[in-house]
Amino acid sequence: MGPLLLVAGSAVLAYHLFLRQSWVGFGAVLFVHGSMASIYGAGNHELDHGTVFKTRWFSCMFLRIYAVLSWFNLHDYALSHTYHHRYTLHPDGDREVVLPQ
């Protein structure tokens, strides 16, 4: 919940600075906002495994929120990740770990 509040706060501050035409402050806050929002996809792996929270539905809820915010197709990832665990390091089945030729 904390990262969502930080990104929402930086978005509001960036919008406020944009309206006031404070371009230096706007650019700095927009950079910070983009840096924080760019790591939304990082938690998707653990959220998909259901290891972040004690209850599975809470992990699913946050997985869906972060998936929408990061343009992450959680259904494609769930299928790919199942194959990854089933066929780890086998080139025909593992789409996540691609070894060099």
PDB file of N, CA and C in Angstrom:
ATOM      1  N   MET A   1       0.821  -1.188   0.000  1.00  0.00           N
ATOM      2  CA  MET A   1       0.000   0.000   0.000  1.00  0.00           C
ATOM      3  C   MET A   1       0.864   1.251   0.000  1.00  0.00           C
ATOM      4  N   GLY A   2       2.019   1.180   0.668  1.00  0.00           N
ATOM      5  CA  GLY A   2       2.919   2.328   0.743  1.00  0.00           C
ATOM      6  C   GLY A   2       3.393   2.831  -0.607  1.00  0.00           C
ATOM      7  N   PRO A   3       3.871   1.912  -1.498  1.00  0.00           N
ATOM      8  CA  PRO A   3       4.305   2.388  -2.817  1.00  0.00           C
ATOM      9  C   PRO A   3       3.192   3.048  -3.613  1.00  0.00           C
ATOM     10  N   LEU A   4       1.975   2.545  -3.468  1.00  0.00           N
ATOM     11  CA  LEU A   4       0.855   3.174  -4.182  1.00  0.00           C
ATOM     12  C   LEU A   4       0.615   4.593  -3.691  1.00  0.00           C
ATOM     13  N   LEU A   5       0.711   4.791  -2.385  1.00  0.00           N
ATOM     14  CA  LEU A   5       0.519   6.133  -1.826  1.00  0.00           C
ATOM     15  C   LEU A   5       1.649   7.081  -2.226  1.00  0.00           C
ATOM     16  N   LEU A   6       2.875   6.580  -2.256  1.00  0.00           N
ATOM     17  CA  LEU A   6       4.003   7.427  -2.672  1.00  0.00           C
ATOM     18  C   LEU A   6       3.866   7.876  -4.120  1.00  0.00           C
ATOM     19  N   VAL A   7       3.491   6.955  -4.991  1.00  0.00           N
ATOM     20  CA  VAL A   7       3.340   7.306  -6.407  1.00  0.00           C
ATOM     21  C   VAL A   7       2.146   8.227  -6.607  1.00  0.00           C
ATOM     22  N   ALA A   8       1.067   7.978  -5.883  1.00  0.00           N
ATOM     23  CA  ALA A   8      -0.099   8.867  -5.988  1.00  0.00           C
ATOM     24  C   ALA A   8       0.251  10.267  -5.488  1.00  0.00           C
ATOM     25  N   GLY A   9       1.007  10.347  -4.398  1.00  0.00           N
ATOM     26  CA  GLY A   9       1.421  11.648  -3.873  1.00  0.00           C
ATOM     27  C   GLY A   9       2.328  12.399  -4.826  1.00  0.00           C
ATOM     28  N   SER A  10       3.278  11.673  -5.440  1.00  0.00           N
ATOM     29  CA  SER A  10       4.168  12.339  -6.393  1.00  0.00           C
ATOM     30  C   SER A  10       3.408  12.760  -7.649  1.00  0.00           C
ATOM     31  N   ALA A  11       2.384  12.011  -8.035  1.00  0.00           N
ATOM     32  CA  ALA A  11       1.568  12.402  -9.193  1.00  0.00           C
ATOM     33  C   ALA A  11       0.791  13.677  -8.901  1.00  0.00           C
ATOM     34  N   VAL A  12       0.220  13.769  -7.712  1.00  0.00           N
ATOM     35  CA  VAL A  12      -0.524  14.976  -7.330  1.00  0.00           C
ATOM     36  C   VAL A  12       0.411  16.181  -7.264  1.00  0.00           C
ATOM     37  N   LEU A  13       1.595  15.983  -6.687  1.00  0.00           N
ATOM     38  CA  LEU A  13       2.561  17.080  -6.602  1.00  0.00           C
ATOM     39  C   LEU A  13       3.038  17.505  -7.990  1.00  0.00           C
ATOM     40  N   ALA A  14       3.289  16.544  -8.877  1.00  0.00           N
ATOM     41  CA  ALA A  14       3.702  16.883 -10.239  1.00  0.00           C
ATOM     42  C   ALA A  14       2.602  17.653 -10.965  1.00  0.00           C
ATOM     43  N   TYR A  15       1.370  17.246 -10.785  1.00  0.00           N
ATOM     44  CA  TYR A  15       0.247  17.953 -11.413  1.00  0.00           C
ATOM     45  C   TYR A  15       0.121  19.370 -10.869  1.00  0.00           C
ATOM     46  N   HIS A  16       0.294  19.528  -9.580  1.00  0.00           N
ATOM     47  CA  HIS A  16       0.234  20.850  -8.957  1.00  0.00           C
ATOM     48  C   HIS A  16       1.343  21.762  -9.507  1.00  0.00           C
ATOM     49  N   LEU A  17       2.549  21.243  -9.606  1.00  0.00           N
ATOM     50  CA  LEU A  17       3.666  22.039 -10.131  1.00  0.00           C
ATOM     51  C   LEU A  17       3.459  22.354 -11.610  1.00  0.00           C
ATOM     52  N   PHE A  18       2.839  21.440 -12.340  1.00  0.00           N
ATOM     53  CA  PHE A  18       2.537  21.692 -13.744  1.00  0.00           C
ATOM     54  C   PHE A  18       1.549  22.850 -13.879  1.00  0.00           C
ATOM     55  N   LEU A  19       0.513  22.837 -13.057  1.00  0.00           N
ATOM     56  CA  LEU A  19      -0.479  23.913 -13.117  1.00  0.00           C
ATOM     57  C   LEU A  19       0.122  25.262 -12.740  1.00  0.00           C
ATOM     58  N   ARG A  20       1.080  25.259 -11.813  1.00  0.00           N
ATOM     59  CA  ARG A  20       1.740  26.505 -11.406  1.00  0.00           C
ATOM     60  C   ARG A  20       2.855  26.901 -12.369  1.00  0.00           C
ATOM     61  N   GLN A  21       3.122  26.064 -13.357  1.00  0.00           N
ATOM     62  CA  GLN A  21       4.171  26.265 -14.361  1.00  0.00           C
ATOM     63  C   GLN A  21       5.554  26.413 -13.728  1.00  0.00           C
ATOM     64  N   SER A  22       5.773  25.646 -12.682  1.00  0.00           N
ATOM     65  CA  SER A  22       7.089  25.568 -12.044  1.00  0.00           C
ATOM     66  C   SER A  22       7.834  24.417 -12.707  1.00  0.00           C
ATOM     67  N   TRP A  23       8.488  24.707 -13.838  1.00  0.00           N
ATOM     68  CA  TRP A  23       9.005  23.656 -14.711  1.00  0.00           C
ATOM     69  C   TRP A  23      10.171  22.887 -14.110  1.00  0.00           C
ATOM     70  N   VAL A  24      11.033  23.539 -13.370  1.00  0.00           N
ATOM     71  CA  VAL A  24      12.166  22.824 -12.763  1.00  0.00           C
ATOM     72  C   VAL A  24      11.657  21.849 -11.709  1.00  0.00           C
ATOM     73  N   GLY A  25      10.780  22.318 -10.845  1.00  0.00           N
ATOM     74  CA  GLY A  25      10.202  21.439  -9.829  1.00  0.00           C
ATOM     75  C   GLY A  25       9.369  20.331 -10.449  1.00  0.00           C
ATOM     76  N   PHE A  26       8.612  20.689 -11.490  1.00  0.00           N
ATOM     77  CA  PHE A  26       7.802  19.693 -12.192  1.00  0.00           C
ATOM     78  C   PHE A  26       8.678  18.599 -12.786  1.00  0.00           C
ATOM     79  N   GLY A  27       9.767  18.991 -13.435  1.00  0.00           N
ATOM     80  CA  GLY A  27      10.669  18.003 -14.037  1.00  0.00           C
ATOM     81  C   GLY A  27      11.300  17.090 -12.995  1.00  0.00           C
ATOM     82  N   ALA A  28      11.697  17.678 -11.866  1.00  0.00           N
ATOM     83  CA  ALA A  28      12.318  16.875 -10.807  1.00  0.00           C
ATOM     84  C   ALA A  28      11.318  15.893 -10.203  1.00  0.00           C
ATOM     85  N   VAL A  29      10.116  16.362  -9.909  1.00  0.00           N
ATOM     86  CA  VAL A  29       9.102  15.487  -9.309  1.00  0.00           C
ATOM     87  C   VAL A  29       8.631  14.437 -10.323  1.00  0.00           C
ATOM     88  N   LEU A  30       8.529  14.827 -11.584  1.00  0.00           N
ATOM     89  CA  LEU A  30       8.130  13.864 -12.612  1.00  0.00           C
ATOM     90  C   LEU A  30       9.173  12.760 -12.761  1.00  0.00           C
ATOM     91  N   PHE A  31      10.451  13.108 -12.648  1.00  0.00           N
ATOM     92  CA  PHE A  31      11.517  12.102 -12.698  1.00  0.00           C
ATOM     93  C   PHE A  31      11.396  11.134 -11.520  1.00  0.00           C
ATOM     94  N   VAL A  32      11.170  11.670 -10.334  1.00  0.00           N
ATOM     95  CA  VAL A  32      11.010  10.823  -9.139  1.00  0.00           C
ATOM     96  C   VAL A  32       9.766   9.950  -9.286  1.00  0.00           C
ATOM     97  N   HIS A  33       8.683  10.542  -9.772  1.00  0.00           N
ATOM     98  CA  HIS A  33       7.436   9.793  -9.972  1.00  0.00           C
ATOM     99  C   HIS A  33       7.653   8.634 -10.951  1.00  0.00           C
ATOM    100  N   GLY A  34       8.287   8.899 -12.059  1.00  0.00           N
ATOM    101  CA  GLY A  34       8.536   7.851 -13.047  1.00  0.00           C
ATOM    102  C   GLY A  34       9.471   6.775 -12.532  1.00  0.00           C
ATOM    103  N   SER A  35      10.456   7.177 -11.744  1.00  0.00           N
ATOM    104  CA  SER A  35      11.384   6.193 -11.168  1.00  0.00           C
ATOM    105  C   SER A  35      10.662   5.260 -10.206  1.00  0.00           C
ATOM    106  N   MET A  36       9.781   5.808  -9.382  1.00  0.00           N
ATOM    107  CA  MET A  36       9.043   4.964  -8.436  1.00  0.00           C
ATOM    108  C   MET A  36       8.037   4.076  -9.165  1.00  0.00           C
ATOM    109  N   ALA A  37       7.356   4.623 -10.145  1.00  0.00           N
ATOM    110  CA  ALA A  37       6.329   3.851 -10.848  1.00  0.00           C
ATOM    111  C   ALA A  37       6.931   2.777 -11.750  1.00  0.00           C
ATOM    112  N   SER A  38       8.179   2.927 -12.143  1.00  0.00           N
ATOM    113  CA  SER A  38       8.784   1.958 -13.056  1.00  0.00           C
ATOM    114  C   SER A  38       9.046   0.607 -12.405  1.00  0.00           C
ATOM    115  N   ILE A  39       9.031   0.535 -11.084  1.00  0.00           N
ATOM    116  CA  ILE A  39       9.300  -0.745 -10.425  1.00  0.00           C
ATOM    117  C   ILE A  39       8.024  -1.468 -10.016  1.00  0.00           C
ATOM    118  N   TYR A  40       6.879  -1.034 -10.526  1.00  0.00           N
ATOM    119  CA  TYR A  40       5.624  -1.708 -10.199  1.00  0.00           C
ATOM    120  C   TYR A  40       5.657  -3.189 -10.561  1.00  0.00           C
ATOM    121  N   GLY A  41       6.266  -3.523 -11.662  1.00  0.00           N
ATOM    122  CA  GLY A  41       6.286  -4.912 -12.105  1.00  0.00           C
ATOM    123  C   GLY A  41       7.164  -5.823 -11.277  1.00  0.00           C
ATOM    124  N   ALA A  42       8.009  -5.271 -10.425  1.00  0.00           N
ATOM    125  CA  ALA A  42       8.951  -6.088  -9.673  1.00  0.00           C
ATOM    126  C   ALA A  42       8.271  -7.009  -8.676  1.00  0.00           C
ATOM    127  N   GLY A  43       7.167  -6.611  -8.102  1.00  0.00           N
ATOM    128  CA  GLY A  43       6.496  -7.436  -7.109  1.00  0.00           C
ATOM    129  C   GLY A  43       5.556  -8.477  -7.684  1.00  0.00           C
ATOM    130  N   ASN A  44       5.352  -8.444  -8.992  1.00  0.00           N
ATOM    131  CA  ASN A  44       4.384  -9.349  -9.598  1.00  0.00           C
ATOM    132  C   ASN A  44       4.741 -10.820  -9.407  1.00  0.00           C
ATOM    133  N   HIS A  45       6.004 -11.151  -9.390  1.00  0.00           N
ATOM    134  CA  HIS A  45       6.433 -12.545  -9.231  1.00  0.00           C
ATOM    135  C   HIS A  45       5.996 -13.092  -7.876  1.00  0.00           C
ATOM    136  N   GLU A  46       6.325 -12.374  -6.818  1.00  0.00           N
ATOM    137  CA  GLU A  46       5.960 -12.855  -5.483  1.00  0.00           C
ATOM    138  C   GLU A  46       4.460 -12.779  -5.246  1.00  0.00           C
ATOM    139  N   LEU A  47       3.814 -11.752  -5.780  1.00  0.00           N
ATOM    140  CA  LEU A  47       2.361 -11.665  -5.655  1.00  0.00           C
ATOM    141  C   LEU A  47       1.687 -12.822  -6.379  1.00  0.00           C
ATOM    142  N   ASP A  48       2.228 -13.230  -7.514  1.00  0.00           N
ATOM    143  CA  ASP A  48       1.677 -14.349  -8.262  1.00  0.00           C
ATOM    144  C   ASP A  48       1.841 -15.659  -7.493  1.00  0.00           C
ATOM    145  N   HIS A  49       2.947 -15.807  -6.795  1.00  0.00           N
ATOM    146  CA  HIS A  49       3.158 -17.002  -5.975  1.00  0.00           C
ATOM    147  C   HIS A  49       2.319 -16.978  -4.700  1.00  0.00           C
ATOM    148  N   GLY A  50       1.820 -15.816  -4.326  1.00  0.00           N
ATOM    149  CA  GLY A  50       1.006 -15.701  -3.126  1.00  0.00           C
ATOM    150  C   GLY A  50       1.806 -15.706  -1.840  1.00  0.00           C
ATOM    151  N   THR A  51       3.062 -15.268  -1.901  1.00  0.00           N
ATOM    152  CA  THR A  51       3.932 -15.304  -0.720  1.00  0.00           C
ATOM    153  C   THR A  51       4.043 -13.964  -0.003  1.00  0.00           C
ATOM    154  N   VAL A  52       3.403 -12.935  -0.504  1.00  0.00           N
ATOM    155  CA  VAL A  52       3.542 -11.612   0.094  1.00  0.00           C
ATOM    156  C   VAL A  52       2.651 -11.463   1.323  1.00  0.00           C
ATOM    157  N   PHE A  53       1.419 -11.929   1.215  1.00  0.00           N
ATOM    158  CA  PHE A  53       0.455 -11.810   2.306  1.00  0.00           C
ATOM    159  C   PHE A  53       0.035 -13.195   2.779  1.00  0.00           C
ATOM    160  N   LYS A  54      -0.525 -13.274   3.970  1.00  0.00           N
ATOM    161  CA  LYS A  54      -0.967 -14.564   4.511  1.00  0.00           C
ATOM    162  C   LYS A  54      -2.149 -15.136   3.737  1.00  0.00           C
ATOM    163  N   THR A  55      -3.016 -14.263   3.262  1.00  0.00           N
ATOM    164  CA  THR A  55      -4.185 -14.740   2.528  1.00  0.00           C
ATOM    165  C   THR A  55      -3.969 -14.590   1.028  1.00  0.00           C
ATOM    166  N   ARG A  56      -4.393 -15.605   0.287  1.00  0.00           N
ATOM    167  CA  ARG A  56      -4.193 -15.631  -1.162  1.00  0.00           C
ATOM    168  C   ARG A  56      -4.983 -14.520  -1.858  1.00  0.00           C
ATOM    169  N   TRP A  57      -6.205 -14.228  -1.395  1.00  0.00           N
ATOM    170  CA  TRP A  57      -7.020 -13.237  -2.088  1.00  0.00           C
ATOM    171  C   TRP A  57      -6.421 -11.844  -1.979  1.00  0.00           C
ATOM    172  N   PHE A  58      -5.708 -11.551  -0.877  1.00  0.00           N
ATOM    173  CA  PHE A  58      -5.063 -10.246  -0.731  1.00  0.00           C
ATOM    174  C   PHE A  58      -3.924 -10.096  -1.737  1.00  0.00           C
ATOM    175  N   SER A  59      -3.154 -11.167  -1.929  1.00  0.00           N
ATOM    176  CA  SER A  59      -2.093 -11.150  -2.949  1.00  0.00           C
ATOM    177  C   SER A  59      -2.691 -10.989  -4.335  1.00  0.00           C
ATOM    178  N   CYS A  60      -3.799 -11.670  -4.596  1.00  0.00           N
ATOM    179  CA  CYS A  60      -4.455 -11.560  -5.910  1.00  0.00           C
ATOM    180  C   CYS A  60      -4.968 -10.146  -6.158  1.00  0.00           C
ATOM    181  N   MET A  61      -5.506  -9.524  -5.117  1.00  0.00           N
ATOM    182  CA  MET A  61      -6.024  -8.166  -5.268  1.00  0.00           C
ATOM    183  C   MET A  61      -4.895  -7.197  -5.644  1.00  0.00           C
ATOM    184  N   PHE A  62      -3.779  -7.267  -4.917  1.00  0.00           N
ATOM    185  CA  PHE A  62      -2.670  -6.369  -5.224  1.00  0.00           C
ATOM    186  C   PHE A  62      -1.994  -6.735  -6.543  1.00  0.00           C
ATOM    187  N   LEU A  63      -1.971  -8.010  -6.889  1.00  0.00           N
ATOM    188  CA  LEU A  63      -1.433  -8.416  -8.189  1.00  0.00           C
ATOM    189  C   LEU A  63      -2.233  -7.772  -9.313  1.00  0.00           C
ATOM    190  N   ARG A  64      -3.539  -7.750  -9.186  1.00  0.00           N
ATOM    191  CA  ARG A  64      -4.372  -7.129 -10.217  1.00  0.00           C
ATOM    192  C   ARG A  64      -4.171  -5.617 -10.272  1.00  0.00           C
ATOM    193  N   ILE A  65      -4.027  -4.984  -9.119  1.00  0.00           N
ATOM    194  CA  ILE A  65      -3.793  -3.532  -9.096  1.00  0.00           C
ATOM    195  C   ILE A  65      -2.474  -3.200  -9.775  1.00  0.00           C
ATOM    196  N   TYR A  66      -1.407  -3.891  -9.373  1.00  0.00           N
ATOM    197  CA  TYR A  66      -0.095  -3.615  -9.959  1.00  0.00           C
ATOM    198  C   TYR A  66      -0.011  -4.036 -11.418  1.00  0.00           C
ATOM    199  N   ALA A  67      -0.758  -5.071 -11.796  1.00  0.00           N
ATOM    200  CA  ALA A  67      -0.774  -5.491 -13.196  1.00  0.00           C
ATOM    201  C   ALA A  67      -1.378  -4.410 -14.084  1.00  0.00           C
ATOM    202  N   VAL A  68      -2.454  -3.798 -13.620  1.00  0.00           N
ATOM    203  CA  VAL A  68      -3.077  -2.722 -14.407  1.00  0.00           C
ATOM    204  C   VAL A  68      -2.144  -1.515 -14.492  1.00  0.00           C
ATOM    205  N   LEU A  69      -1.530  -1.155 -13.383  1.00  0.00           N
ATOM    206  CA  LEU A  69      -0.666   0.029 -13.368  1.00  0.00           C
ATOM    207  C   LEU A  69       0.620  -0.146 -14.176  1.00  0.00           C
ATOM    208  N   SER A  70       1.082  -1.380 -14.322  1.00  0.00           N
ATOM    209  CA  SER A  70       2.333  -1.609 -15.056  1.00  0.00           C
ATOM    210  C   SER A  70       2.101  -2.232 -16.433  1.00  0.00           C
ATOM    211  N   TRP A  71       0.857  -2.315 -16.882  1.00  0.00           N
ATOM    212  CA  TRP A  71       0.512  -2.922 -18.172  1.00  0.00           C
ATOM    213  C   TRP A  71       1.073  -4.339 -18.245  1.00  0.00           C
ATOM    214  N   PHE A  72       0.826  -5.104 -17.209  1.00  0.00           N
ATOM    215  CA  PHE A  72       1.361  -6.447 -17.043  1.00  0.00           C
ATOM    216  C   PHE A  72       0.242  -7.448 -17.268  1.00  0.00           C
ATOM    217  N   ASN A  73       0.408  -8.345 -18.231  1.00  0.00           N
ATOM    218  CA  ASN A  73      -0.601  -9.361 -18.507  1.00  0.00           C
ATOM    219  C   ASN A  73      -0.408 -10.511 -17.535  1.00  0.00           C
ATOM    220  N   LEU A  74      -1.177 -10.525 -16.459  1.00  0.00           N
ATOM    221  CA  LEU A  74      -0.964 -11.516 -15.411  1.00  0.00           C
ATOM    222  C   LEU A  74      -1.369 -12.915 -15.838  1.00  0.00           C
ATOM    223  N   HIS A  75      -2.286 -13.052 -16.765  1.00  0.00           N
ATOM    224  CA  HIS A  75      -2.698 -14.373 -17.227  1.00  0.00           C
ATOM    225  C   HIS A  75      -1.615 -15.013 -18.098  1.00  0.00           C
ATOM    226  N   ASP A  76      -1.010 -14.236 -18.977  1.00  0.00           N
ATOM    227  CA  ASP A  76       0.093 -14.739 -19.795  1.00  0.00           C
ATOM    228  C   ASP A  76       1.287 -15.090 -18.908  1.00  0.00           C
ATOM    229  N   TYR A  77       1.554 -14.260 -17.914  1.00  0.00           N
ATOM    230  CA  TYR A  77       2.666 -14.527 -17.018  1.00  0.00           C
ATOM    231  C   TYR A  77       2.414 -15.789 -16.186  1.00  0.00           C
ATOM    232  N   ALA A  78       1.191 -15.997 -15.714  1.00  0.00           N
ATOM    233  CA  ALA A  78       0.885 -17.193 -14.924  1.00  0.00           C
ATOM    234  C   ALA A  78       1.115 -18.453 -15.748  1.00  0.00           C
ATOM    235  N   LEU A  79       0.706 -18.433 -17.003  1.00  0.00           N
ATOM    236  CA  LEU A  79       0.935 -19.577 -17.884  1.00  0.00           C
ATOM    237  C   LEU A  79       2.428 -19.781 -18.125  1.00  0.00           C
ATOM    238  N   SER A  80       3.120 -18.708 -18.457  1.00  0.00           N
ATOM    239  CA  SER A  80       4.559 -18.781 -18.714  1.00  0.00           C
ATOM    240  C   SER A  80       5.315 -19.242 -17.476  1.00  0.00           C
ATOM    241  N   HIS A  81       4.923 -18.737 -16.323  1.00  0.00           N
ATOM    242  CA  HIS A  81       5.639 -19.065 -15.094  1.00  0.00           C
ATOM    243  C   HIS A  81       5.389 -20.513 -14.666  1.00  0.00           C
ATOM    244  N   THR A  82       4.199 -21.033 -14.962  1.00  0.00           N
ATOM    245  CA  THR A  82       3.929 -22.445 -14.696  1.00  0.00           C
ATOM    246  C   THR A  82       4.848 -23.319 -15.537  1.00  0.00           C
ATOM    247  N   TYR A  83       4.983 -22.987 -16.806  1.00  0.00           N
ATOM    248  CA  TYR A  83       5.903 -23.735 -17.668  1.00  0.00           C
ATOM    249  C   TYR A  83       7.347 -23.564 -17.200  1.00  0.00           C
ATOM    250  N   HIS A  84       7.683 -22.390 -16.727  1.00  0.00           N
ATOM    251  CA  HIS A  84       9.039 -22.146 -16.231  1.00  0.00           C
ATOM    252  C   HIS A  84       9.360 -23.084 -15.061  1.00  0.00           C
ATOM    253  N   HIS A  85       8.436 -23.222 -14.134  1.00  0.00           N
ATOM    254  CA  HIS A  85       8.689 -24.112 -12.995  1.00  0.00           C
ATOM    255  C   HIS A  85       8.635 -25.582 -13.400  1.00  0.00           C
ATOM    256  N   ARG A  86       7.861 -25.900 -14.396  1.00  0.00           N
ATOM    257  CA  ARG A  86       7.761 -27.289 -14.845  1.00  0.00           C
ATOM    258  C   ARG A  86       8.964 -27.695 -15.690  1.00  0.00           C
ATOM    259  N   TYR A  87       9.453 -26.774 -16.519  1.00  0.00           N
ATOM    260  CA  TYR A  87      10.541 -27.090 -17.453  1.00  0.00           C
ATOM    261  C   TYR A  87      11.714 -26.137 -17.282  1.00  0.00           C
ATOM    262  N   THR A  88      12.145 -25.891 -16.065  1.00  0.00           N
ATOM    263  CA  THR A  88      13.231 -24.941 -15.815  1.00  0.00           C
ATOM    264  C   THR A  88      14.489 -25.348 -16.566  1.00  0.00           C
ATOM    265  N   LEU A  89      15.019 -24.408 -17.316  1.00  0.00           N
ATOM    266  CA  LEU A  89      16.245 -24.532 -18.103  1.00  0.00           C
ATOM    267  C   LEU A  89      16.147 -25.527 -19.256  1.00  0.00           C
ATOM    268  N   HIS A  90      14.944 -25.927 -19.628  1.00  0.00           N
ATOM    269  CA  HIS A  90      14.738 -26.732 -20.830  1.00  0.00           C
ATOM    270  C   HIS A  90      14.276 -25.782 -21.926  1.00  0.00           C
ATOM    271  N   PRO A  91      15.060 -25.596 -22.968  1.00  0.00           N
ATOM    272  CA  PRO A  91      14.777 -24.560 -23.971  1.00  0.00           C
ATOM    273  C   PRO A  91      13.407 -24.672 -24.638  1.00  0.00           C
ATOM    274  N   ASP A  92      12.858 -25.873 -24.764  1.00  0.00           N
ATOM    275  CA  ASP A  92      11.578 -26.008 -25.452  1.00  0.00           C
ATOM    276  C   ASP A  92      10.394 -25.556 -24.601  1.00  0.00           C
ATOM    277  N   GLY A  93      10.531 -25.602 -23.283  1.00  0.00           N
ATOM    278  CA  GLY A  93       9.400 -25.271 -22.433  1.00  0.00           C
ATOM    279  C   GLY A  93       9.556 -24.020 -21.607  1.00  0.00           C
ATOM    280  N   ASP A  94      10.780 -23.632 -21.283  1.00  0.00           N
ATOM    281  CA  ASP A  94      11.017 -22.496 -20.394  1.00  0.00           C
ATOM    282  C   ASP A  94      11.154 -21.224 -21.207  1.00  0.00           C
ATOM    283  N   ARG A  95      10.150 -20.340 -21.105  1.00  0.00           N
ATOM    284  CA  ARG A  95      10.190 -19.075 -21.848  1.00  0.00           C
ATOM    285  C   ARG A  95      10.799 -17.946 -21.024  1.00  0.00           C
ATOM    286  N   GLU A  96      11.109 -18.190 -19.748  1.00  0.00           N
ATOM    287  CA  GLU A  96      11.609 -17.118 -18.901  1.00  0.00           C
ATOM    288  C   GLU A  96      13.125 -17.096 -18.799  1.00  0.00           C
ATOM    289  N   VAL A  97      13.744 -18.260 -18.726  1.00  0.00           N
ATOM    290  CA  VAL A  97      15.207 -18.326 -18.640  1.00  0.00           C
ATOM    291  C   VAL A  97      15.703 -18.867 -19.984  1.00  0.00           C
ATOM    292  N   VAL A  98      16.263 -17.986 -20.773  1.00  0.00           N
ATOM    293  CA  VAL A  98      16.774 -18.372 -22.084  1.00  0.00           C
ATOM    294  C   VAL A  98      18.292 -18.412 -22.008  1.00  0.00           C
ATOM    295  N   LEU A  99      18.836 -19.605 -22.145  1.00  0.00           N
ATOM    296  CA  LEU A  99      20.283 -19.756 -22.063  1.00  0.00           C
ATOM    297  C   LEU A  99      20.939 -19.363 -23.376  1.00  0.00           C
ATOM    298  N   PRO A 100      22.196 -18.933 -23.326  1.00  0.00           N
ATOM    299  CA  PRO A 100      22.890 -18.584 -24.586  1.00  0.00           C
ATOM    300  C   PRO A 100      23.082 -19.813 -25.462  1.00  0.00           C
ATOM    301  N   GLN A 101      23.106 -19.582 -26.750  1.00  0.00           N
ATOM    302  CA  GLN A 101      23.305 -20.681 -27.707  1.00  0.00           C
ATOM    303  C   GLN A 101      24.711 -21.204 -27.664  1.00  0.00           C
TER     304      GLN A 101
END
